[in-house]
């Protein structure tokens, strides 16, 4: 099967992804919820992801932060080890934005 992102035979599937609040305001912070399902064959002792943060300027998204190989088990201890057929609910809590953060559109991407 091919995932929505074009990945052939993906070993991770995400479901029930949502944020509270859906739009971040000056003092709100944000909590992100998602389920991750693992369909790989081997048990994964750790799970890592690359993090990208984007800012929209002149109708173009620009990367201003890219951190590679972040161990997801530190923030989500129930994620590791990850076994075939296992589903784990992940919750990430983001604090309010720094007061010096420029106004505008932001988005992020995790690549597992």
Foldseek 3Di string as FASTA:
>chain_A
DADPVRRPPDQKDKDPWAKVVNDADQFDWIKIKIKIWGADADWAQWDFKKKWKWFADPNDTDTPDIDGTHTPCVQPVVPGRPHHGDMDMDMDTGGGDDPPDDDGDMDMDIGD
